[in-house]
Full PDB file with SEQRES, HELIX, SHEET, SSBOND, CRYST1, ORIGX, SCALE, CONECT and MASTER records, all heavy atoms in Angstrom:
SEQRES   1 A   38  ASP LEU ALA ALA ALA THR GLY LEU PRO VAL THR LEU ASP          
SEQRES   2 A   38  LYS ASP VAL ILE ALA ALA ALA VAL ALA GLU ARG TRP ALA          
SEQRES   3 A   38  GLY ALA ALA GLY ASP SER SER ASN PHE VAL PHE VAL              
HELIX    1 AA1 LEU A    2  THR A    6  1                                   5    
HELIX    2 AA2 ASP A   15  ALA A   26  1                                  12    
CRYST1    1.000    1.000    1.000  90.00  90.00  90.00 P 1           1          
ORIGX1      1.000000  0.000000  0.000000        0.00000                         
ORIGX2      0.000000  1.000000  0.000000        0.00000                         
ORIGX3      0.000000  0.000000  1.000000        0.00000                         
SCALE1      1.000000  0.000000  0.000000        0.00000                         
SCALE2      0.000000  1.000000  0.000000        0.00000                         
SCALE3      0.000000  0.000000  1.000000        0.00000                         
ATOM      1  N   ASP A   1       0.854  -1.281  -0.050  1.00  0.00           N  
ATOM      2  CA  ASP A   1      -0.023   0.029   0.098  1.00  0.00           C  
ATOM      3  C   ASP A   1       0.835   1.255  -0.009  1.00  0.00           C  
ATOM      4  O   ASP A   1       0.540   2.097  -0.794  1.00  0.00           O  
ATOM      5  CB  ASP A   1      -0.917  -0.005   1.134  1.00  0.00           C  
ATOM      6  CG  ASP A   1      -1.928  -1.022   1.084  1.00  0.00           C  
ATOM      7  OD1 ASP A   1      -2.225  -1.615   0.022  1.00  0.00           O  
ATOM      8  OD2 ASP A   1      -2.738  -1.204   2.143  1.00  0.00           O  
ATOM      9  N   LEU A   2       1.932   1.239   0.875  1.00  0.00           N  
ATOM     10  CA  LEU A   2       2.890   2.474   0.895  1.00  0.00           C  
ATOM     11  C   LEU A   2       3.626   2.545  -0.454  1.00  0.00           C  
ATOM     12  O   LEU A   2       3.853   3.670  -0.976  1.00  0.00           O  
ATOM     13  CB  LEU A   2       3.724   2.283   2.080  1.00  0.00           C  
ATOM     14  CG  LEU A   2       4.564   3.720   2.225  1.00  0.00           C  
ATOM     15  CD1 LEU A   2       3.710   4.889   2.515  1.00  0.00           C  
ATOM     16  CD2 LEU A   2       5.489   3.528   3.529  1.00  0.00           C  
ATOM     17  N   ALA A   3       4.098   1.453  -0.956  1.00  0.00           N  
ATOM     18  CA  ALA A   3       4.704   1.496  -2.294  1.00  0.00           C  
ATOM     19  C   ALA A   3       3.791   2.077  -3.280  1.00  0.00           C  
ATOM     20  O   ALA A   3       4.356   2.834  -4.205  1.00  0.00           O  
ATOM     21  CB  ALA A   3       5.183   0.035  -2.668  1.00  0.00           C  
ATOM     22  N   ALA A   4       2.667   1.724  -3.336  1.00  0.00           N  
ATOM     23  CA  ALA A   4       1.704   2.204  -4.443  1.00  0.00           C  
ATOM     24  C   ALA A   4       1.546   3.824  -4.215  1.00  0.00           C  
ATOM     25  O   ALA A   4       1.216   4.486  -5.102  1.00  0.00           O  
ATOM     26  CB  ALA A   4       0.296   1.460  -4.356  1.00  0.00           C  
ATOM     27  N   ALA A   5       1.495   4.098  -2.858  1.00  0.00           N  
ATOM     28  CA  ALA A   5       1.176   5.645  -2.599  1.00  0.00           C  
ATOM     29  C   ALA A   5       2.320   6.461  -2.942  1.00  0.00           C  
ATOM     30  O   ALA A   5       2.205   7.633  -3.075  1.00  0.00           O  
ATOM     31  CB  ALA A   5       0.726   5.719  -1.087  1.00  0.00           C  
ATOM     32  N   THR A   6       3.632   5.892  -2.860  1.00  0.00           N  
ATOM     33  CA  THR A   6       4.812   6.668  -2.886  1.00  0.00           C  
ATOM     34  C   THR A   6       5.552   6.501  -4.158  1.00  0.00           C  
ATOM     35  O   THR A   6       6.350   7.412  -4.676  1.00  0.00           O  
ATOM     36  CB  THR A   6       5.781   6.541  -1.805  1.00  0.00           C  
ATOM     37  OG1 THR A   6       6.057   5.114  -1.830  1.00  0.00           O  
ATOM     38  CG2 THR A   6       5.114   6.786  -0.470  1.00  0.00           C  
ATOM     39  N   GLY A   7       5.308   5.330  -4.854  1.00  0.00           N  
ATOM     40  CA  GLY A   7       6.084   5.061  -6.130  1.00  0.00           C  
ATOM     41  C   GLY A   7       7.482   4.603  -5.869  1.00  0.00           C  
ATOM     42  O   GLY A   7       8.200   4.527  -6.780  1.00  0.00           O  
ATOM     43  N   LEU A   8       7.783   4.270  -4.522  1.00  0.00           N  
ATOM     44  CA  LEU A   8       9.119   3.891  -4.134  1.00  0.00           C  
ATOM     45  C   LEU A   8       9.081   2.439  -3.716  1.00  0.00           C  
ATOM     46  O   LEU A   8       8.069   1.886  -3.112  1.00  0.00           O  
ATOM     47  CB  LEU A   8       9.607   4.753  -3.054  1.00  0.00           C  
ATOM     48  CG  LEU A   8       9.975   6.182  -3.471  1.00  0.00           C  
ATOM     49  CD1 LEU A   8      10.375   6.888  -2.225  1.00  0.00           C  
ATOM     50  CD2 LEU A   8      11.361   6.217  -4.289  1.00  0.00           C  
ATOM     51  N   PRO A   9      10.221   1.766  -3.852  1.00  0.00           N  
ATOM     52  CA  PRO A   9      10.217   0.371  -3.237  1.00  0.00           C  
ATOM     53  C   PRO A   9      10.142   0.498  -1.727  1.00  0.00           C  
ATOM     54  O   PRO A   9      10.686   1.412  -1.059  1.00  0.00           O  
ATOM     55  CB  PRO A   9      11.638  -0.205  -3.654  1.00  0.00           C  
ATOM     56  CG  PRO A   9      12.044   0.785  -4.822  1.00  0.00           C  
ATOM     57  CD  PRO A   9      11.436   1.973  -4.589  1.00  0.00           C  
ATOM     58  N   VAL A  10       9.377  -0.425  -1.050  1.00  0.00           N  
ATOM     59  CA  VAL A  10       9.257  -0.396   0.414  1.00  0.00           C  
ATOM     60  C   VAL A  10       9.836  -1.773   0.975  1.00  0.00           C  
ATOM     61  O   VAL A  10       9.455  -2.767   0.353  1.00  0.00           O  
ATOM     62  CB  VAL A  10       7.835  -0.144   0.736  1.00  0.00           C  
ATOM     63  CG1 VAL A  10       7.589  -0.151   2.170  1.00  0.00           C  
ATOM     64  CG2 VAL A  10       7.436   1.284   0.120  1.00  0.00           C  
ATOM     65  N   THR A  11      10.468  -1.729   2.121  1.00  0.00           N  
ATOM     66  CA  THR A  11      10.843  -2.850   2.830  1.00  0.00           C  
ATOM     67  C   THR A  11      10.178  -2.787   4.268  1.00  0.00           C  
ATOM     68  O   THR A  11      10.203  -1.634   4.732  1.00  0.00           O  
ATOM     69  CB  THR A  11      12.418  -2.843   2.985  1.00  0.00           C  
ATOM     70  OG1 THR A  11      13.003  -2.894   1.766  1.00  0.00           O  
ATOM     71  CG2 THR A  11      12.757  -4.111   3.843  1.00  0.00           C  
ATOM     72  N   LEU A  12       9.599  -3.914   4.601  1.00  0.00           N  
ATOM     73  CA  LEU A  12       9.075  -4.077   5.874  1.00  0.00           C  
ATOM     74  C   LEU A  12       9.676  -5.042   6.779  1.00  0.00           C  
ATOM     75  O   LEU A  12       9.976  -6.132   6.408  1.00  0.00           O  
ATOM     76  CB  LEU A  12       7.504  -4.540   5.674  1.00  0.00           C  
ATOM     77  CG  LEU A  12       6.743  -4.785   7.024  1.00  0.00           C  
ATOM     78  CD1 LEU A  12       6.443  -3.479   7.841  1.00  0.00           C  
ATOM     79  CD2 LEU A  12       5.376  -5.501   6.758  1.00  0.00           C  
ATOM     80  N   ASP A  13       9.960  -4.578   8.046  1.00  0.00           N  
ATOM     81  CA  ASP A  13      10.668  -5.400   8.976  1.00  0.00           C  
ATOM     82  C   ASP A  13      10.116  -5.107  10.353  1.00  0.00           C  
ATOM     83  O   ASP A  13       9.429  -4.118  10.676  1.00  0.00           O  
ATOM     84  CB  ASP A  13      12.066  -5.331   8.918  1.00  0.00           C  
ATOM     85  CG  ASP A  13      12.841  -6.779   8.902  1.00  0.00           C  
ATOM     86  OD1 ASP A  13      12.356  -7.637   9.514  1.00  0.00           O  
ATOM     87  OD2 ASP A  13      13.814  -6.797   8.239  1.00  0.00           O  
ATOM     88  N   LYS A  14      10.319  -5.962  11.336  1.00  0.00           N  
ATOM     89  CA  LYS A  14      10.000  -5.852  12.722  1.00  0.00           C  
ATOM     90  C   LYS A  14      10.733  -4.801  13.333  1.00  0.00           C  
ATOM     91  O   LYS A  14      11.945  -4.607  12.983  1.00  0.00           O  
ATOM     92  CB  LYS A  14      10.185  -7.246  13.422  1.00  0.00           C  
ATOM     93  CG  LYS A  14       9.451  -7.298  14.832  1.00  0.00           C  
ATOM     94  CD  LYS A  14       9.646  -8.567  15.153  1.00  0.00           C  
ATOM     95  CE  LYS A  14       9.097  -8.830  16.681  1.00  0.00           C  
ATOM     96  NZ  LYS A  14       9.276 -10.179  17.265  1.00  0.00           N  
ATOM     97  N   ASP A  15      10.262  -4.000  14.251  1.00  0.00           N  
ATOM     98  CA  ASP A  15      10.794  -2.773  14.758  1.00  0.00           C  
ATOM     99  C   ASP A  15      12.119  -3.143  15.509  1.00  0.00           C  
ATOM    100  O   ASP A  15      13.213  -2.506  15.301  1.00  0.00           O  
ATOM    101  CB  ASP A  15       9.972  -2.036  15.777  1.00  0.00           C  
ATOM    102  CG  ASP A  15       9.201  -2.997  16.668  1.00  0.00           C  
ATOM    103  OD1 ASP A  15       9.533  -4.191  16.919  1.00  0.00           O  
ATOM    104  OD2 ASP A  15       8.290  -2.396  17.330  1.00  0.00           O  
ATOM    105  N   VAL A  16      12.295  -4.235  16.208  1.00  0.00           N  
ATOM    106  CA  VAL A  16      13.384  -4.524  16.949  1.00  0.00           C  
ATOM    107  C   VAL A  16      14.570  -5.061  16.093  1.00  0.00           C  
ATOM    108  O   VAL A  16      15.717  -4.875  16.259  1.00  0.00           O  
ATOM    109  CB  VAL A  16      13.110  -5.554  18.132  1.00  0.00           C  
ATOM    110  CG1 VAL A  16      12.761  -6.955  17.662  1.00  0.00           C  
ATOM    111  CG2 VAL A  16      14.397  -5.659  19.110  1.00  0.00           C  
ATOM    112  N   ILE A  17      14.213  -5.751  15.016  1.00  0.00           N  
ATOM    113  CA  ILE A  17      15.189  -6.197  13.995  1.00  0.00           C  
ATOM    114  C   ILE A  17      15.736  -5.061  13.299  1.00  0.00           C  
ATOM    115  O   ILE A  17      16.805  -5.001  13.023  1.00  0.00           O  
ATOM    116  CB  ILE A  17      14.446  -7.343  12.992  1.00  0.00           C  
ATOM    117  CG1 ILE A  17      14.128  -8.423  13.708  1.00  0.00           C  
ATOM    118  CG2 ILE A  17      15.374  -7.491  11.750  1.00  0.00           C  
ATOM    119  CD1 ILE A  17      13.427  -9.481  13.037  1.00  0.00           C  
ATOM    120  N   ALA A  18      14.842  -4.058  12.951  1.00  0.00           N  
ATOM    121  CA  ALA A  18      15.399  -2.772  12.329  1.00  0.00           C  
ATOM    122  C   ALA A  18      16.383  -2.038  13.188  1.00  0.00           C  
ATOM    123  O   ALA A  18      17.272  -1.488  12.794  1.00  0.00           O  
ATOM    124  CB  ALA A  18      14.154  -1.882  11.987  1.00  0.00           C  
ATOM    125  N   ALA A  19      15.919  -2.050  14.552  1.00  0.00           N  
ATOM    126  CA  ALA A  19      16.894  -1.349  15.498  1.00  0.00           C  
ATOM    127  C   ALA A  19      18.205  -2.011  15.601  1.00  0.00           C  
ATOM    128  O   ALA A  19      19.289  -1.241  15.596  1.00  0.00           O  
ATOM    129  CB  ALA A  19      16.220  -1.354  16.800  1.00  0.00           C  
ATOM    130  N   ALA A  20      18.311  -3.422  15.503  1.00  0.00           N  
ATOM    131  CA  ALA A  20      19.573  -4.074  15.585  1.00  0.00           C  
ATOM    132  C   ALA A  20      20.374  -3.789  14.188  1.00  0.00           C  
ATOM    133  O   ALA A  20      21.471  -3.660  14.223  1.00  0.00           O  
ATOM    134  CB  ALA A  20      19.280  -5.536  15.553  1.00  0.00           C  
ATOM    135  N   VAL A  21      19.580  -3.736  13.020  1.00  0.00           N  
ATOM    136  CA  VAL A  21      20.367  -3.272  11.728  1.00  0.00           C  
ATOM    137  C   VAL A  21      20.951  -1.800  11.965  1.00  0.00           C  
ATOM    138  O   VAL A  21      21.976  -1.589  11.555  1.00  0.00           O  
ATOM    139  CB  VAL A  21      19.295  -3.339  10.778  1.00  0.00           C  
ATOM    140  CG1 VAL A  21      19.959  -2.690   9.312  1.00  0.00           C  
ATOM    141  CG2 VAL A  21      18.954  -4.767  10.371  1.00  0.00           C  
ATOM    142  N   ALA A  22      20.177  -0.991  12.616  1.00  0.00           N  
ATOM    143  CA  ALA A  22      20.670   0.454  12.707  1.00  0.00           C  
ATOM    144  C   ALA A  22      21.990   0.364  13.665  1.00  0.00           C  
ATOM    145  O   ALA A  22      22.970   1.101  13.236  1.00  0.00           O  
ATOM    146  CB  ALA A  22      19.666   1.283  13.495  1.00  0.00           C  
ATOM    147  N   GLU A  23      22.058  -0.248  14.703  1.00  0.00           N  
ATOM    148  CA  GLU A  23      23.242  -0.427  15.510  1.00  0.00           C  
ATOM    149  C   GLU A  23      24.414  -0.949  14.813  1.00  0.00           C  
ATOM    150  O   GLU A  23      25.538  -0.632  14.874  1.00  0.00           O  
ATOM    151  CB  GLU A  23      23.023  -1.340  16.775  1.00  0.00           C  
ATOM    152  CG  GLU A  23      21.972  -0.643  17.774  1.00  0.00           C  
ATOM    153  CD  GLU A  23      22.492   0.739  18.377  1.00  0.00           C  
ATOM    154  OE1 GLU A  23      23.703   0.842  18.375  1.00  0.00           O  
ATOM    155  OE2 GLU A  23      21.639   1.556  18.708  1.00  0.00           O  
ATOM    156  N   ARG A  24      24.163  -2.027  13.907  1.00  0.00           N  
ATOM    157  CA  ARG A  24      25.193  -2.621  13.124  1.00  0.00           C  
ATOM    158  C   ARG A  24      25.703  -1.630  12.015  1.00  0.00           C  
ATOM    159  O   ARG A  24      26.843  -1.544  11.702  1.00  0.00           O  
ATOM    160  CB  ARG A  24      24.573  -3.877  12.395  1.00  0.00           C  
ATOM    161  CG  ARG A  24      25.533  -4.603  11.519  1.00  0.00           C  
ATOM    162  CD  ARG A  24      24.833  -5.823  10.734  1.00  0.00           C  
ATOM    163  NE  ARG A  24      25.588  -6.500   9.790  1.00  0.00           N  
ATOM    164  CZ  ARG A  24      25.610  -6.165   8.615  1.00  0.00           C  
ATOM    165  NH1 ARG A  24      24.865  -5.186   8.037  1.00  0.00           N  
ATOM    166  NH2 ARG A  24      26.456  -6.737   7.778  1.00  0.00           N  
ATOM    167  N   TRP A  25      24.850  -0.737  11.469  1.00  0.00           N  
ATOM    168  CA  TRP A  25      25.216   0.141  10.374  1.00  0.00           C  
ATOM    169  C   TRP A  25      25.861   1.362  10.970  1.00  0.00           C  
ATOM    170  O   TRP A  25      26.873   1.863  10.497  1.00  0.00           O  
ATOM    171  CB  TRP A  25      23.995   0.501   9.561  1.00  0.00           C  
ATOM    172  CG  TRP A  25      23.855  -0.172   8.298  1.00  0.00           C  
ATOM    173  CD1 TRP A  25      23.338  -1.489   7.998  1.00  0.00           C  
ATOM    174  CD2 TRP A  25      24.342   0.307   7.020  1.00  0.00           C  
ATOM    175  NE1 TRP A  25      23.528  -1.820   6.796  1.00  0.00           N  
ATOM    176  CE2 TRP A  25      24.087  -0.750   6.103  1.00  0.00           C  
ATOM    177  CE3 TRP A  25      24.961   1.484   6.631  1.00  0.00           C  
ATOM    178  CZ2 TRP A  25      24.363  -0.590   4.790  1.00  0.00           C  
ATOM    179  CZ3 TRP A  25      25.336   1.560   5.222  1.00  0.00           C  
ATOM    180  CH2 TRP A  25      24.950   0.610   4.333  1.00  0.00           C  
ATOM    181  N   ALA A  26      25.184   2.024  12.032  1.00  0.00           N  
ATOM    182  CA  ALA A  26      25.540   3.293  12.331  1.00  0.00           C  
ATOM    183  C   ALA A  26      25.724   3.619  13.827  1.00  0.00           C  
ATOM    184  O   ALA A  26      25.871   4.776  14.238  1.00  0.00           O  
ATOM    185  CB  ALA A  26      24.605   4.307  11.742  1.00  0.00           C  
ATOM    186  N   GLY A  27      25.591   2.500  14.644  1.00  0.00           N  
ATOM    187  CA  GLY A  27      25.421   2.732  16.055  1.00  0.00           C  
ATOM    188  C   GLY A  27      26.571   2.299  16.857  1.00  0.00           C  
ATOM    189  O   GLY A  27      27.742   2.124  16.403  1.00  0.00           O  
ATOM    190  N   ALA A  28      26.325   1.662  18.120  1.00  0.00           N  
ATOM    191  CA  ALA A  28      27.263   1.296  19.130  1.00  0.00           C  
ATOM    192  C   ALA A  28      27.908  -0.090  18.855  1.00  0.00           C  
ATOM    193  O   ALA A  28      28.847  -0.485  19.255  1.00  0.00           O  
ATOM    194  CB  ALA A  28      26.695   1.237  20.503  1.00  0.00           C  
ATOM    195  N   ALA A  29      27.273  -0.755  17.821  1.00  0.00           N  
ATOM    196  CA  ALA A  29      27.620  -2.091  17.610  1.00  0.00           C  
ATOM    197  C   ALA A  29      28.475  -2.370  16.330  1.00  0.00           C  
ATOM    198  O   ALA A  29      28.594  -3.462  15.718  1.00  0.00           O  
ATOM    199  CB  ALA A  29      26.423  -3.091  17.543  1.00  0.00           C  
ATOM    200  N   GLY A  30      29.075  -1.171  15.743  1.00  0.00           N  
ATOM    201  CA  GLY A  30      29.723  -1.272  14.547  1.00  0.00           C  
ATOM    202  C   GLY A  30      30.961  -2.181  14.590  1.00  0.00           C  
ATOM    203  O   GLY A  30      31.366  -2.735  13.525  1.00  0.00           O  
ATOM    204  N   ASP A  31      31.541  -2.392  15.810  1.00  0.00           N  
ATOM    205  CA  ASP A  31      32.741  -3.329  15.976  1.00  0.00           C  
ATOM    206  C   ASP A  31      32.435  -4.673  16.395  1.00  0.00           C  
ATOM    207  O   ASP A  31      33.406  -5.449  16.813  1.00  0.00           O  
ATOM    208  CB  ASP A  31      33.820  -2.514  16.673  1.00  0.00           C  
ATOM    209  CG  ASP A  31      34.351  -1.327  16.115  1.00  0.00           C  
ATOM    210  OD1 ASP A  31      34.499  -1.301  14.838  1.00  0.00           O  
ATOM    211  OD2 ASP A  31      34.733  -0.343  16.852  1.00  0.00           O  
ATOM    212  N   SER A  32      31.118  -4.956  16.649  1.00  0.00           N  
ATOM    213  CA  SER A  32      30.720  -6.238  17.251  1.00  0.00           C  
ATOM    214  C   SER A  32      30.040  -6.994  16.186  1.00  0.00           C  
ATOM    215  O   SER A  32      29.146  -6.641  15.473  1.00  0.00           O  
ATOM    216  CB  SER A  32      29.883  -6.018  18.400  1.00  0.00           C  
ATOM    217  OG  SER A  32      29.425  -7.293  18.962  1.00  0.00           O  
ATOM    218  N   SER A  33      30.360  -8.456  16.188  1.00  0.00           N  
ATOM    219  CA  SER A  33      29.822  -9.258  15.234  1.00  0.00           C  
ATOM    220  C   SER A  33      28.759 -10.129  15.938  1.00  0.00           C  
ATOM    221  O   SER A  33      27.934 -10.816  15.201  1.00  0.00           O  
ATOM    222  CB  SER A  33      30.889 -10.379  14.719  1.00  0.00           C  
ATOM    223  OG  SER A  33      31.720  -9.596  13.818  1.00  0.00           O  
ATOM    224  N   ASN A  34      28.730  -9.997  17.261  1.00  0.00           N  
ATOM    225  CA  ASN A  34      27.660 -10.802  18.032  1.00  0.00           C  
ATOM    226  C   ASN A  34      27.090  -9.884  19.207  1.00  0.00           C  
ATOM    227  O   ASN A  34      27.834  -9.733  20.125  1.00  0.00           O  
ATOM    228  CB  ASN A  34      28.434 -12.020  18.715  1.00  0.00           C  
ATOM    229  CG  ASN A  34      28.787 -13.118  17.587  1.00  0.00           C  
ATOM    230  OD1 ASN A  34      28.066 -13.796  17.266  1.00  0.00           O  
ATOM    231  ND2 ASN A  34      30.043 -12.900  17.173  1.00  0.00           N  
ATOM    232  N   PHE A  35      25.962  -9.538  19.005  1.00  0.00           N  
ATOM    233  CA  PHE A  35      25.377  -8.619  19.920  1.00  0.00           C  
ATOM    234  C   PHE A  35      23.811  -8.759  20.058  1.00  0.00           C  
ATOM    235  O   PHE A  35      23.218  -9.291  19.266  1.00  0.00           O  
ATOM    236  CB  PHE A  35      25.716  -7.044  19.757  1.00  0.00           C  
ATOM    237  CG  PHE A  35      25.125  -6.433  18.530  1.00  0.00           C  
ATOM    238  CD1 PHE A  35      23.886  -5.728  18.614  1.00  0.00           C  
ATOM    239  CD2 PHE A  35      25.746  -6.415  17.268  1.00  0.00           C  
ATOM    240  CE1 PHE A  35      23.248  -5.114  17.679  1.00  0.00           C  
ATOM    241  CE2 PHE A  35      25.145  -5.945  16.179  1.00  0.00           C  
ATOM    242  CZ  PHE A  35      23.862  -5.218  16.316  1.00  0.00           C  
ATOM    243  N   VAL A  36      23.274  -8.292  21.177  1.00  0.00           N  
ATOM    244  CA  VAL A  36      21.914  -8.314  21.395  1.00  0.00           C  
ATOM    245  C   VAL A  36      21.355  -6.930  21.517  1.00  0.00           C  
ATOM    246  O   VAL A  36      21.995  -6.003  22.203  1.00  0.00           O  
ATOM    247  CB  VAL A  36      21.626  -9.068  22.777  1.00  0.00           C  
ATOM    248  CG1 VAL A  36      20.073  -8.880  23.176  1.00  0.00           C  
ATOM    249  CG2 VAL A  36      22.007 -10.516  22.599  1.00  0.00           C  
ATOM    250  N   PHE A  37      20.340  -6.661  20.847  1.00  0.00           N  
ATOM    251  CA  PHE A  37      19.633  -5.194  20.986  1.00  0.00           C  
ATOM    252  C   PHE A  37      18.328  -5.361  21.717  1.00  0.00           C  
ATOM    253  O   PHE A  37      17.431  -6.430  21.285  1.00  0.00           O  
ATOM    254  CB  PHE A  37      19.504  -4.617  19.643  1.00  0.00           C  
ATOM    255  CG  PHE A  37      18.844  -3.208  19.691  1.00  0.00           C  
ATOM    256  CD1 PHE A  37      19.618  -2.168  19.797  1.00  0.00           C  
ATOM    257  CD2 PHE A  37      17.443  -3.042  19.899  1.00  0.00           C  
ATOM    258  CE1 PHE A  37      19.066  -0.930  19.910  1.00  0.00           C  
ATOM    259  CE2 PHE A  37      16.851  -1.824  19.999  1.00  0.00           C  
ATOM    260  CZ  PHE A  37      17.694  -0.672  20.120  1.00  0.00           C  
ATOM    261  N   VAL A  38      18.236  -4.674  22.772  1.00  0.00           N  
ATOM    262  CA  VAL A  38      16.903  -4.749  23.569  1.00  0.00           C  
ATOM    263  C   VAL A  38      16.137  -3.503  23.348  1.00  0.00           C  
ATOM    264  O   VAL A  38      16.724  -2.274  23.492  1.00  0.00           O  
ATOM    265  CB  VAL A  38      17.261  -4.762  25.120  1.00  0.00           C  
ATOM    266  CG1 VAL A  38      15.878  -4.861  25.903  1.00  0.00           C  
ATOM    267  CG2 VAL A  38      18.149  -5.987  25.333  1.00  0.00           C  
TER     268      VAL A  38                                                      
MASTER        0    0    0    2    0    0    0    6  267    1    0    3          
END                                                                             
């Protein structure tokens, strides 16, 4: 529905999984290969 409304590709994921991705990309976990995000 959002892809149709914006004309852009859309990716959906669970909020906590997205937050873990953020830490891996740009946060405190950049140097860790094994971590837990709460």
